[in-house]
Amino acid sequence: MFGGTVRGKKTTLRLPAESEIEAHKRWAADMRVRRAGPIGRWHEPAATATWKERWTEEAKDRSSVLWSIAAGEQLVGYARIHFDGAPHAEGISLDQFVIDPDHARKGYGWDAALALHRWAYDFMNLRLSATDRIAADDTGRQRILEKLGYVRFGHGHAVYYRDGAYIDQYLYQMDRDVWNERWPGEREYPPLGDETAQ
């Protein structure tokens, strides 16, 4: 299936199994997770049947990929990306990137993010940019993005409302040239369709 399995050093991104729905239900109800990300249907609590419907729709969608993030045999989060210009992989948006708060500060977020971008740039041969939009106080995700090579290019004021106050939003972007410069020796496989690339 589209997306397949992507391996990092500590984590593996793989297609979700139905047995993992309960974890997604728990994360959607966990205020630590809800506070950290853009509000959307993937952050809304829902019944098991609704999650099954979401995943059925996702499996048919050729413009996005949903992965479970595992560390060994343990489920530690999930990631969801959307292709801009699909199916030609001109650019991607990171719609969701969640690490279970109980597994924070173990390096799983960084490892999974790097593996995801290797897949996008090196395997899918992403030609343009990767973008992300995050809450301004999500410092952990900011550190990951900036370490990857993202730069902040936009600032939305009072975008989210929570805990009785409005929170700003930051927009981040990284283009292919920056990726190639920052990670020149990190290729695990050639771009899709280019068996001669190193």
N, C-alpha and C. Protein backbone atom coordinates (compact mmCIF):
# COMPACT_ATOMS: atom_id res chain seq x y z
N MET A 1 0.83 -1.19 0.00
CA MET A 1 0.00 0.00 0.00
C MET A 1 0.87 1.25 0.00
N PHE A 2 0.28 2.37 -0.38
CA PHE A 2 0.98 3.64 -0.46
C PHE A 2 1.54 4.02 0.90
N GLY A 3 2.79 4.39 0.94
CA GLY A 3 3.44 4.74 2.20
C GLY A 3 4.40 3.67 2.65
N GLY A 4 3.90 2.44 2.74
CA GLY A 4 4.75 1.32 3.11
C GLY A 4 5.37 1.48 4.48
N THR A 5 6.51 0.83 4.67
CA THR A 5 7.23 0.85 5.94
C THR A 5 8.52 1.67 5.78
N VAL A 6 8.75 2.56 6.73
CA VAL A 6 9.93 3.42 6.71
C VAL A 6 10.65 3.22 8.04
N ARG A 7 11.92 2.87 7.98
CA ARG A 7 12.66 2.55 9.20
C ARG A 7 13.67 3.64 9.55
N GLY A 8 13.65 4.05 10.80
CA GLY A 8 14.68 4.91 11.34
C GLY A 8 15.60 4.08 12.21
N LYS A 9 16.42 4.73 13.04
CA LYS A 9 17.31 4.01 13.93
C LYS A 9 16.60 3.55 15.20
N LYS A 10 15.62 4.35 15.65
CA LYS A 10 14.89 4.01 16.87
C LYS A 10 13.44 3.64 16.60
N THR A 11 12.91 4.11 15.48
CA THR A 11 11.49 3.97 15.21
C THR A 11 11.24 3.38 13.84
N THR A 12 10.01 2.90 13.65
CA THR A 12 9.53 2.42 12.36
C THR A 12 8.19 3.07 12.08
N LEU A 13 8.05 3.65 10.90
CA LEU A 13 6.76 4.17 10.46
C LEU A 13 6.12 3.08 9.59
N ARG A 14 4.91 2.67 9.96
CA ARG A 14 4.23 1.60 9.23
C ARG A 14 2.75 1.90 9.15
N LEU A 15 2.07 1.24 8.23
CA LEU A 15 0.64 1.44 8.09
C LEU A 15 -0.07 0.98 9.36
N PRO A 16 -1.08 1.70 9.81
CA PRO A 16 -1.74 1.38 11.08
C PRO A 16 -2.56 0.10 11.00
N ALA A 17 -2.63 -0.57 12.13
CA ALA A 17 -3.46 -1.77 12.27
C ALA A 17 -4.72 -1.41 13.05
N GLU A 18 -5.80 -2.11 12.77
CA GLU A 18 -7.08 -1.80 13.42
C GLU A 18 -6.98 -1.91 14.94
N SER A 19 -6.10 -2.77 15.42
CA SER A 19 -5.93 -2.94 16.87
C SER A 19 -5.39 -1.67 17.54
N GLU A 20 -4.90 -0.72 16.73
CA GLU A 20 -4.32 0.50 17.28
C GLU A 20 -5.33 1.64 17.41
N ILE A 21 -6.56 1.39 17.03
CA ILE A 21 -7.58 2.43 17.11
C ILE A 21 -7.74 2.93 18.54
N GLU A 22 -7.67 2.04 19.50
CA GLU A 22 -7.84 2.45 20.89
C GLU A 22 -6.79 3.47 21.31
N ALA A 23 -5.57 3.31 20.81
CA ALA A 23 -4.52 4.29 21.13
C ALA A 23 -4.85 5.64 20.52
N HIS A 24 -5.36 5.66 19.29
CA HIS A 24 -5.74 6.92 18.65
C HIS A 24 -6.90 7.58 19.38
N LYS A 25 -7.83 6.78 19.85
CA LYS A 25 -8.93 7.33 20.64
C LYS A 25 -8.40 7.97 21.92
N ARG A 26 -7.44 7.31 22.54
CA ARG A 26 -6.85 7.84 23.78
C ARG A 26 -6.11 9.15 23.53
N TRP A 27 -5.32 9.19 22.45
CA TRP A 27 -4.58 10.42 22.13
C TRP A 27 -5.52 11.57 21.80
N ALA A 28 -6.60 11.26 21.09
CA ALA A 28 -7.54 12.33 20.71
C ALA A 28 -8.23 12.93 21.92
N ALA A 29 -8.29 12.17 23.02
CA ALA A 29 -8.92 12.67 24.24
C ALA A 29 -7.91 13.22 25.24
N ASP A 30 -6.63 13.08 24.94
CA ASP A 30 -5.56 13.51 25.84
C ASP A 30 -5.28 14.99 25.59
N MET A 31 -5.50 15.82 26.58
CA MET A 31 -5.34 17.26 26.41
C MET A 31 -3.89 17.65 26.13
N ARG A 32 -2.94 16.83 26.54
CA ARG A 32 -1.54 17.12 26.22
C ARG A 32 -1.31 17.03 24.71
N VAL A 33 -2.00 16.11 24.06
CA VAL A 33 -1.90 15.97 22.60
C VAL A 33 -2.71 17.05 21.91
N ARG A 34 -3.92 17.28 22.38
CA ARG A 34 -4.80 18.26 21.76
C ARG A 34 -4.23 19.67 21.83
N ARG A 35 -3.53 19.98 22.90
CA ARG A 35 -2.94 21.31 23.06
C ARG A 35 -1.79 21.54 22.09
N ALA A 36 -1.12 20.46 21.67
CA ALA A 36 0.11 20.61 20.91
C ALA A 36 -0.10 20.79 19.42
N GLY A 37 -1.25 20.40 18.89
CA GLY A 37 -1.37 20.39 17.44
C GLY A 37 -2.54 21.18 16.92
N PRO A 38 -2.52 21.42 15.59
CA PRO A 38 -3.66 22.08 14.95
C PRO A 38 -4.93 21.27 15.16
N ILE A 39 -6.03 21.96 15.40
CA ILE A 39 -7.29 21.28 15.64
C ILE A 39 -7.85 20.80 14.31
N GLY A 40 -8.30 19.57 14.29
CA GLY A 40 -8.89 18.97 13.10
C GLY A 40 -9.53 17.65 13.47
N ARG A 41 -10.09 17.00 12.50
CA ARG A 41 -10.83 15.78 12.83
C ARG A 41 -9.93 14.68 13.38
N TRP A 42 -8.64 14.72 13.07
CA TRP A 42 -7.74 13.70 13.60
C TRP A 42 -7.39 13.96 15.06
N HIS A 43 -7.77 15.10 15.57
CA HIS A 43 -7.58 15.39 16.99
C HIS A 43 -8.89 15.37 17.76
N GLU A 44 -9.98 15.05 17.11
CA GLU A 44 -11.28 15.05 17.78
C GLU A 44 -11.61 13.66 18.31
N PRO A 45 -12.01 13.56 19.57
CA PRO A 45 -12.46 12.26 20.09
C PRO A 45 -13.62 11.72 19.26
N ALA A 46 -13.64 10.42 19.06
CA ALA A 46 -14.70 9.81 18.26
C ALA A 46 -14.83 8.34 18.65
N ALA A 47 -15.96 7.77 18.28
CA ALA A 47 -16.23 6.36 18.55
C ALA A 47 -15.37 5.47 17.66
N THR A 48 -15.25 4.21 18.04
CA THR A 48 -14.45 3.26 17.28
C THR A 48 -14.91 3.18 15.83
N ALA A 49 -16.22 3.16 15.61
CA ALA A 49 -16.75 3.06 14.25
C ALA A 49 -16.32 4.25 13.40
N THR A 50 -16.27 5.43 14.02
CA THR A 50 -15.86 6.63 13.28
C THR A 50 -14.39 6.54 12.91
N TRP A 51 -13.56 6.05 13.82
CA TRP A 51 -12.13 5.90 13.50
C TRP A 51 -11.94 4.89 12.36
N LYS A 52 -12.73 3.82 12.36
CA LYS A 52 -12.63 2.85 11.27
C LYS A 52 -12.99 3.50 9.94
N GLU A 53 -14.01 4.36 9.95
CA GLU A 53 -14.39 5.07 8.74
C GLU A 53 -13.27 6.01 8.29
N ARG A 54 -12.65 6.71 9.23
CA ARG A 54 -11.55 7.61 8.90
C ARG A 54 -10.40 6.85 8.23
N TRP A 55 -10.06 5.71 8.80
CA TRP A 55 -8.95 4.94 8.27
C TRP A 55 -9.29 4.31 6.93
N THR A 56 -10.54 3.93 6.72
CA THR A 56 -10.97 3.40 5.42
C THR A 56 -10.83 4.47 4.35
N GLU A 57 -11.26 5.70 4.68
CA GLU A 57 -11.12 6.82 3.75
C GLU A 57 -9.64 7.11 3.48
N GLU A 58 -8.85 7.07 4.53
CA GLU A 58 -7.42 7.36 4.40
C GLU A 58 -6.73 6.35 3.48
N ALA A 59 -7.10 5.08 3.61
CA ALA A 59 -6.47 4.04 2.79
C ALA A 59 -6.73 4.23 1.30
N LYS A 60 -7.84 4.88 0.97
CA LYS A 60 -8.20 5.13 -0.43
C LYS A 60 -7.59 6.41 -0.97
N ASP A 61 -7.11 7.27 -0.09
CA ASP A 61 -6.64 8.60 -0.46
C ASP A 61 -5.20 8.53 -0.96
N ARG A 62 -5.00 8.81 -2.24
CA ARG A 62 -3.65 8.77 -2.80
C ARG A 62 -2.90 10.08 -2.64
N SER A 63 -3.50 11.03 -1.95
CA SER A 63 -2.83 12.31 -1.73
C SER A 63 -2.31 12.46 -0.32
N SER A 64 -2.46 11.42 0.52
CA SER A 64 -1.96 11.51 1.89
C SER A 64 -1.55 10.12 2.37
N VAL A 65 -0.77 10.12 3.45
CA VAL A 65 -0.30 8.88 4.06
C VAL A 65 -0.45 8.99 5.58
N LEU A 66 -0.98 7.95 6.19
CA LEU A 66 -1.06 7.85 7.64
C LEU A 66 -0.17 6.70 8.08
N TRP A 67 0.76 6.99 8.98
CA TRP A 67 1.63 5.96 9.54
C TRP A 67 1.43 5.86 11.05
N SER A 68 1.57 4.67 11.57
CA SER A 68 1.80 4.48 12.99
C SER A 68 3.30 4.58 13.22
N ILE A 69 3.69 5.11 14.37
CA ILE A 69 5.10 5.17 14.73
C ILE A 69 5.33 4.18 15.86
N ALA A 70 6.22 3.22 15.62
CA ALA A 70 6.51 2.20 16.62
C ALA A 70 7.97 2.27 17.03
N ALA A 71 8.22 1.97 18.29
CA ALA A 71 9.57 1.80 18.80
C ALA A 71 9.66 0.35 19.26
N GLY A 72 10.34 -0.47 18.48
CA GLY A 72 10.28 -1.90 18.73
C GLY A 72 8.86 -2.38 18.47
N GLU A 73 8.29 -3.07 19.44
CA GLU A 73 6.92 -3.55 19.31
C GLU A 73 5.90 -2.58 19.91
N GLN A 74 6.37 -1.48 20.44
CA GLN A 74 5.50 -0.55 21.16
C GLN A 74 5.06 0.61 20.27
N LEU A 75 3.76 0.87 20.24
CA LEU A 75 3.21 1.99 19.50
C LEU A 75 3.47 3.27 20.29
N VAL A 76 4.11 4.26 19.65
CA VAL A 76 4.46 5.49 20.38
C VAL A 76 3.90 6.75 19.74
N GLY A 77 3.22 6.64 18.60
CA GLY A 77 2.66 7.83 17.98
C GLY A 77 2.17 7.58 16.58
N TYR A 78 1.92 8.67 15.87
CA TYR A 78 1.51 8.55 14.47
C TYR A 78 1.88 9.82 13.71
N ALA A 79 1.94 9.68 12.40
CA ALA A 79 2.24 10.81 11.51
C ALA A 79 1.30 10.74 10.32
N ARG A 80 0.91 11.91 9.83
CA ARG A 80 0.05 11.99 8.66
C ARG A 80 0.53 13.15 7.80
N ILE A 81 0.81 12.85 6.52
CA ILE A 81 1.26 13.88 5.60
C ILE A 81 0.28 13.99 4.44
N HIS A 82 0.28 15.13 3.79
CA HIS A 82 -0.55 15.37 2.62
C HIS A 82 0.35 15.83 1.48
N PHE A 83 0.19 15.22 0.31
CA PHE A 83 0.97 15.63 -0.86
C PHE A 83 0.31 16.80 -1.55
N ASP A 84 1.08 17.83 -1.80
CA ASP A 84 0.63 18.97 -2.59
C ASP A 84 1.11 18.74 -4.02
N GLY A 85 0.18 18.53 -4.93
CA GLY A 85 0.55 18.19 -6.29
C GLY A 85 0.58 16.70 -6.53
N ALA A 86 -0.08 15.91 -5.64
CA ALA A 86 -0.12 14.46 -5.82
C ALA A 86 -0.76 14.14 -7.17
N PRO A 87 -0.34 13.05 -7.86
CA PRO A 87 0.57 12.02 -7.33
C PRO A 87 2.04 12.28 -7.66
N HIS A 88 2.41 13.48 -8.06
CA HIS A 88 3.77 13.76 -8.51
C HIS A 88 4.69 14.19 -7.37
N ALA A 89 4.19 14.24 -6.16
CA ALA A 89 5.01 14.53 -4.98
C ALA A 89 5.79 15.83 -5.12
N GLU A 90 5.11 16.88 -5.54
CA GLU A 90 5.77 18.18 -5.69
C GLU A 90 6.10 18.80 -4.34
N GLY A 91 5.29 18.55 -3.34
CA GLY A 91 5.52 19.09 -2.00
C GLY A 91 4.66 18.34 -1.01
N ILE A 92 5.00 18.46 0.26
CA ILE A 92 4.18 17.81 1.30
C ILE A 92 3.88 18.79 2.42
N SER A 93 2.78 18.52 3.10
CA SER A 93 2.43 19.23 4.33
C SER A 93 2.36 18.19 5.44
N LEU A 94 2.94 18.52 6.59
CA LEU A 94 2.84 17.63 7.75
C LEU A 94 1.54 17.96 8.48
N ASP A 95 0.51 17.17 8.20
CA ASP A 95 -0.80 17.44 8.80
C ASP A 95 -0.83 17.09 10.28
N GLN A 96 -0.25 15.97 10.64
CA GLN A 96 -0.21 15.52 12.03
C GLN A 96 1.13 14.86 12.30
N PHE A 97 1.65 15.11 13.50
CA PHE A 97 2.86 14.42 13.94
C PHE A 97 2.77 14.35 15.46
N VAL A 98 2.44 13.18 15.96
CA VAL A 98 2.15 13.01 17.39
C VAL A 98 3.02 11.92 17.99
N ILE A 99 3.70 12.25 19.07
CA ILE A 99 4.38 11.26 19.90
C ILE A 99 3.65 11.21 21.23
N ASP A 100 3.31 10.02 21.64
CA ASP A 100 2.61 9.84 22.91
C ASP A 100 3.38 10.58 24.01
N PRO A 101 2.71 11.48 24.74
CA PRO A 101 3.41 12.24 25.80
C PRO A 101 4.10 11.34 26.82
N ASP A 102 3.60 10.13 27.02
CA ASP A 102 4.24 9.21 27.96
C ASP A 102 5.56 8.67 27.42
N HIS A 103 5.82 8.90 26.13
CA HIS A 103 7.08 8.44 25.52
C HIS A 103 7.92 9.61 25.02
N ALA A 104 7.64 10.79 25.55
CA ALA A 104 8.39 11.98 25.13
C ALA A 104 9.81 11.94 25.67
N ARG A 105 10.68 12.72 25.02
CA ARG A 105 12.08 12.89 25.43
C ARG A 105 12.90 11.60 25.38
N LYS A 106 12.55 10.74 24.42
CA LYS A 106 13.31 9.52 24.21
C LYS A 106 13.95 9.50 22.82
N GLY A 107 13.80 10.60 22.08
CA GLY A 107 14.38 10.68 20.75
C GLY A 107 13.51 10.10 19.66
N TYR A 108 12.30 9.66 20.00
CA TYR A 108 11.44 9.04 19.01
C TYR A 108 10.93 10.07 17.98
N GLY A 109 10.61 11.26 18.45
CA GLY A 109 10.09 12.27 17.54
C GLY A 109 11.12 12.65 16.48
N TRP A 110 12.35 12.92 16.92
CA TRP A 110 13.40 13.28 15.98
C TRP A 110 13.67 12.15 15.00
N ASP A 111 13.80 10.92 15.51
CA ASP A 111 14.13 9.79 14.65
C ASP A 111 13.04 9.55 13.61
N ALA A 112 11.78 9.60 14.04
CA ALA A 112 10.67 9.38 13.11
C ALA A 112 10.57 10.50 12.08
N ALA A 113 10.81 11.75 12.51
CA ALA A 113 10.74 12.88 11.59
C ALA A 113 11.84 12.78 10.53
N LEU A 114 13.04 12.40 10.92
CA LEU A 114 14.12 12.26 9.96
C LEU A 114 13.83 11.13 8.98
N ALA A 115 13.33 10.00 9.48
CA ALA A 115 12.99 8.88 8.60
C ALA A 115 11.90 9.27 7.61
N LEU A 116 10.89 10.00 8.08
CA LEU A 116 9.80 10.44 7.21
C LEU A 116 10.34 11.33 6.10
N HIS A 117 11.23 12.25 6.42
CA HIS A 117 11.75 13.16 5.40
C HIS A 117 12.71 12.46 4.44
N ARG A 118 13.43 11.46 4.92
CA ARG A 118 14.24 10.66 4.00
C ARG A 118 13.35 9.96 2.98
N TRP A 119 12.22 9.44 3.45
CA TRP A 119 11.28 8.79 2.54
C TRP A 119 10.75 9.80 1.52
N ALA A 120 10.36 10.98 1.99
CA ALA A 120 9.77 11.98 1.10
C ALA A 120 10.76 12.50 0.08
N TYR A 121 11.95 12.88 0.54
CA TYR A 121 12.93 13.50 -0.35
C TYR A 121 13.74 12.48 -1.14
N ASP A 122 14.15 11.41 -0.49
CA ASP A 122 15.07 10.48 -1.14
C ASP A 122 14.36 9.37 -1.91
N PHE A 123 13.23 8.90 -1.40
CA PHE A 123 12.53 7.82 -2.07
C PHE A 123 11.45 8.34 -3.01
N MET A 124 10.58 9.21 -2.49
CA MET A 124 9.52 9.78 -3.33
C MET A 124 10.04 10.90 -4.23
N ASN A 125 11.30 11.31 -4.01
CA ASN A 125 11.94 12.33 -4.84
C ASN A 125 11.16 13.65 -4.83
N LEU A 126 10.79 14.06 -3.64
CA LEU A 126 10.07 15.32 -3.46
C LEU A 126 10.84 16.46 -4.11
N ARG A 127 10.19 17.22 -4.98
CA ARG A 127 10.88 18.23 -5.76
C ARG A 127 10.83 19.63 -5.14
N LEU A 128 9.76 19.91 -4.45
CA LEU A 128 9.61 21.26 -3.93
C LEU A 128 9.80 21.28 -2.43
N SER A 129 8.83 21.81 -1.70
CA SER A 129 9.06 22.05 -0.28
C SER A 129 8.18 21.21 0.62
N ALA A 130 8.62 21.10 1.86
CA ALA A 130 7.82 20.52 2.92
C ALA A 130 7.41 21.65 3.85
N THR A 131 6.17 21.65 4.29
CA THR A 131 5.68 22.72 5.15
C THR A 131 5.02 22.14 6.39
N ASP A 132 4.98 22.93 7.44
CA ASP A 132 4.32 22.54 8.67
C ASP A 132 3.77 23.79 9.34
N ARG A 133 2.68 23.63 10.05
CA ARG A 133 2.09 24.73 10.83
C ARG A 133 1.90 24.22 12.24
N ILE A 134 2.44 24.97 13.20
CA ILE A 134 2.43 24.50 14.58
C ILE A 134 2.07 25.64 15.52
N ALA A 135 1.61 25.25 16.69
CA ALA A 135 1.35 26.23 17.73
C ALA A 135 2.67 26.86 18.17
N ALA A 136 2.64 28.16 18.42
CA ALA A 136 3.87 28.90 18.71
C ALA A 136 4.55 28.41 19.99
N ASP A 137 3.80 27.79 20.89
CA ASP A 137 4.43 27.32 22.12
C ASP A 137 4.84 25.85 22.07
N ASP A 138 4.77 25.23 20.89
CA ASP A 138 5.21 23.84 20.73
C ASP A 138 6.71 23.84 20.45
N THR A 139 7.49 24.05 21.49
CA THR A 139 8.94 24.21 21.32
C THR A 139 9.63 22.91 20.90
N GLY A 140 9.09 21.77 21.32
CA GLY A 140 9.69 20.50 20.95
C GLY A 140 9.65 20.27 19.45
N ARG A 141 8.50 20.53 18.87
CA ARG A 141 8.36 20.35 17.42
C ARG A 141 9.17 21.40 16.66
N GLN A 142 9.25 22.60 17.20
CA GLN A 142 10.07 23.63 16.57
C GLN A 142 11.53 23.18 16.50
N ARG A 143 12.04 22.60 17.59
CA ARG A 143 13.43 22.15 17.61
C ARG A 143 13.67 21.08 16.54
N ILE A 144 12.72 20.16 16.41
CA ILE A 144 12.86 19.10 15.40
C ILE A 144 12.89 19.70 14.00
N LEU A 145 11.95 20.60 13.71
CA LEU A 145 11.88 21.20 12.38
C LEU A 145 13.16 21.96 12.05
N GLU A 146 13.64 22.75 12.99
CA GLU A 146 14.83 23.56 12.73
C GLU A 146 16.08 22.69 12.60
N LYS A 147 16.14 21.59 13.32
CA LYS A 147 17.26 20.67 13.18
C LYS A 147 17.25 20.01 11.80
N LEU A 148 16.06 19.72 11.29
CA LEU A 148 15.94 19.15 9.95
C LEU A 148 16.38 20.13 8.87
N GLY A 149 16.19 21.42 9.12
CA GLY A 149 16.55 22.43 8.14
C GLY A 149 15.41 23.36 7.77
N TYR A 150 14.27 23.24 8.44
CA TYR A 150 13.14 24.13 8.19
C TYR A 150 13.47 25.55 8.67
N VAL A 151 12.85 26.52 8.01
CA VAL A 151 12.92 27.90 8.46
C VAL A 151 11.49 28.42 8.64
N ARG A 152 11.34 29.30 9.60
CA ARG A 152 10.01 29.89 9.85
C ARG A 152 9.77 31.01 8.84
N PHE A 153 8.63 30.94 8.15
CA PHE A 153 8.35 31.94 7.13
C PHE A 153 7.03 32.66 7.35
N GLY A 154 6.28 32.27 8.36
CA GLY A 154 5.01 32.93 8.60
C GLY A 154 4.64 32.89 10.06
N HIS A 155 3.81 33.86 10.46
CA HIS A 155 3.39 33.97 11.86
C HIS A 155 1.92 34.38 11.87
N GLY A 156 1.07 33.45 12.27
CA GLY A 156 -0.35 33.75 12.40
C GLY A 156 -0.66 34.15 13.82
N HIS A 157 -1.34 35.24 14.00
CA HIS A 157 -1.62 35.75 15.33
C HIS A 157 -2.99 35.27 15.84
N ALA A 158 -2.99 34.80 17.09
CA ALA A 158 -4.23 34.39 17.77
C ALA A 158 -5.03 33.38 16.95
N VAL A 159 -4.35 32.32 16.52
CA VAL A 159 -4.99 31.31 15.66
C VAL A 159 -5.75 30.28 16.48
N TYR A 160 -5.18 29.83 17.59
CA TYR A 160 -5.82 28.81 18.43
C TYR A 160 -6.31 29.44 19.73
N TYR A 161 -7.41 28.91 20.23
CA TYR A 161 -7.92 29.35 21.53
C TYR A 161 -7.92 28.16 22.47
N ARG A 162 -7.22 28.29 23.57
CA ARG A 162 -7.20 27.22 24.56
C ARG A 162 -6.77 27.79 25.91
N ASP A 163 -7.20 27.14 26.94
CA ASP A 163 -6.85 27.53 28.30
C ASP A 163 -7.16 29.00 28.57
N GLY A 164 -8.23 29.51 27.95
CA GLY A 164 -8.65 30.87 28.20
C GLY A 164 -7.86 31.95 27.49
N ALA A 165 -7.03 31.57 26.51
CA ALA A 165 -6.23 32.57 25.81
C ALA A 165 -5.99 32.12 24.36
N TYR A 166 -5.64 33.09 23.52
CA TYR A 166 -5.32 32.79 22.13
C TYR A 166 -3.82 32.50 21.98
N ILE A 167 -3.51 31.53 21.13
CA ILE A 167 -2.13 31.12 20.87
C ILE A 167 -1.81 31.38 19.41
N ASP A 168 -0.61 31.89 19.16
CA ASP A 168 -0.17 32.14 17.79
C ASP A 168 0.20 30.84 17.08
N GLN A 169 0.36 30.95 15.77
CA GLN A 169 0.77 29.82 14.94
C GLN A 169 2.00 30.21 14.13
N TYR A 170 2.95 29.28 14.02
CA TYR A 170 4.12 29.49 13.18
C TYR A 170 4.02 28.59 11.95
N LEU A 171 4.47 29.12 10.82
CA LEU A 171 4.54 28.35 9.58
C LEU A 171 6.01 28.10 9.26
N TYR A 172 6.34 26.84 8.98
CA TYR A 172 7.71 26.44 8.68
C TYR A 172 7.77 25.82 7.29
N GLN A 173 8.94 25.94 6.66
CA GLN A 173 9.12 25.38 5.33
C GLN A 173 10.58 24.97 5.12
N MET A 174 10.75 23.91 4.35
CA MET A 174 12.10 23.48 3.93
C MET A 174 12.03 23.07 2.47
N ASP A 175 12.96 23.55 1.64
CA ASP A 175 12.95 23.15 0.25
C ASP A 175 14.01 22.08 -0.02
N ARG A 176 13.96 21.53 -1.20
CA ARG A 176 14.84 20.40 -1.53
C ARG A 176 16.31 20.78 -1.47
N ASP A 177 16.66 21.98 -1.91
CA ASP A 177 18.07 22.38 -1.88
C ASP A 177 18.63 22.38 -0.47
N VAL A 178 17.82 22.86 0.48
CA VAL A 178 18.26 22.85 1.87
C VAL A 178 18.44 21.42 2.36
N TRP A 179 17.48 20.56 2.03
CA TRP A 179 17.59 19.15 2.42
C TRP A 179 18.88 18.54 1.87
N ASN A 180 19.16 18.75 0.59
CA ASN A 180 20.36 18.18 -0.02
C ASN A 180 21.63 18.70 0.63
N GLU A 181 21.63 19.97 1.01
CA GLU A 181 22.81 20.55 1.64
C GLU A 181 22.99 20.04 3.07
N ARG A 182 21.89 19.91 3.79
CA ARG A 182 21.99 19.53 5.19
C ARG A 182 22.23 18.04 5.37
N TRP A 183 21.69 17.24 4.47
CA TRP A 183 21.78 15.78 4.63
C TRP A 183 22.39 15.13 3.38
N PRO A 184 23.60 15.55 2.97
CA PRO A 184 24.17 15.04 1.71
C PRO A 184 24.60 13.58 1.77
N GLY A 185 24.97 13.10 2.95
CA GLY A 185 25.49 11.74 3.03
C GLY A 185 24.56 10.77 3.72
N GLU A 186 23.29 11.14 3.82
CA GLU A 186 22.36 10.34 4.60
C GLU A 186 21.45 9.46 3.75
N ARG A 187 21.77 9.29 2.46
CA ARG A 187 20.89 8.55 1.58
C ARG A 187 20.85 7.07 1.94
N GLU A 188 19.65 6.56 2.18
CA GLU A 188 19.50 5.14 2.45
C GLU A 188 19.11 4.37 1.20
N TYR A 189 18.52 5.07 0.23
CA TYR A 189 18.12 4.44 -1.03
C TYR A 189 17.95 5.54 -2.07
N PRO A 190 18.05 5.17 -3.35
CA PRO A 190 17.93 6.19 -4.40
C PRO A 190 16.49 6.66 -4.53
N PRO A 191 16.29 7.83 -5.16
CA PRO A 191 14.93 8.29 -5.41
C PRO A 191 14.14 7.26 -6.21
N LEU A 192 12.85 7.22 -6.01
CA LEU A 192 11.97 6.29 -6.70
C LEU A 192 12.14 6.44 -8.21
N GLY A 193 12.46 5.33 -8.89
CA GLY A 193 12.61 5.36 -10.34
C GLY A 193 14.01 5.72 -10.80
N ASP A 194 14.95 5.94 -9.87
CA ASP A 194 16.30 6.32 -10.23
C ASP A 194 17.27 5.35 -9.56
N GLU A 195 17.47 4.20 -10.15
CA GLU A 195 18.27 3.16 -9.53
C GLU A 195 19.76 3.47 -9.55
N THR A 196 20.18 4.52 -10.30
CA THR A 196 21.60 4.84 -10.40
C THR A 196 22.04 5.88 -9.38
N ALA A 197 21.06 6.53 -8.70
CA ALA A 197 21.43 7.59 -7.74
C ALA A 197 22.13 6.98 -6.53
N GLN A 198 23.01 7.78 -5.94
CA GLN A 198 23.74 7.30 -4.76
C GLN A 198 23.11 7.85 -3.50
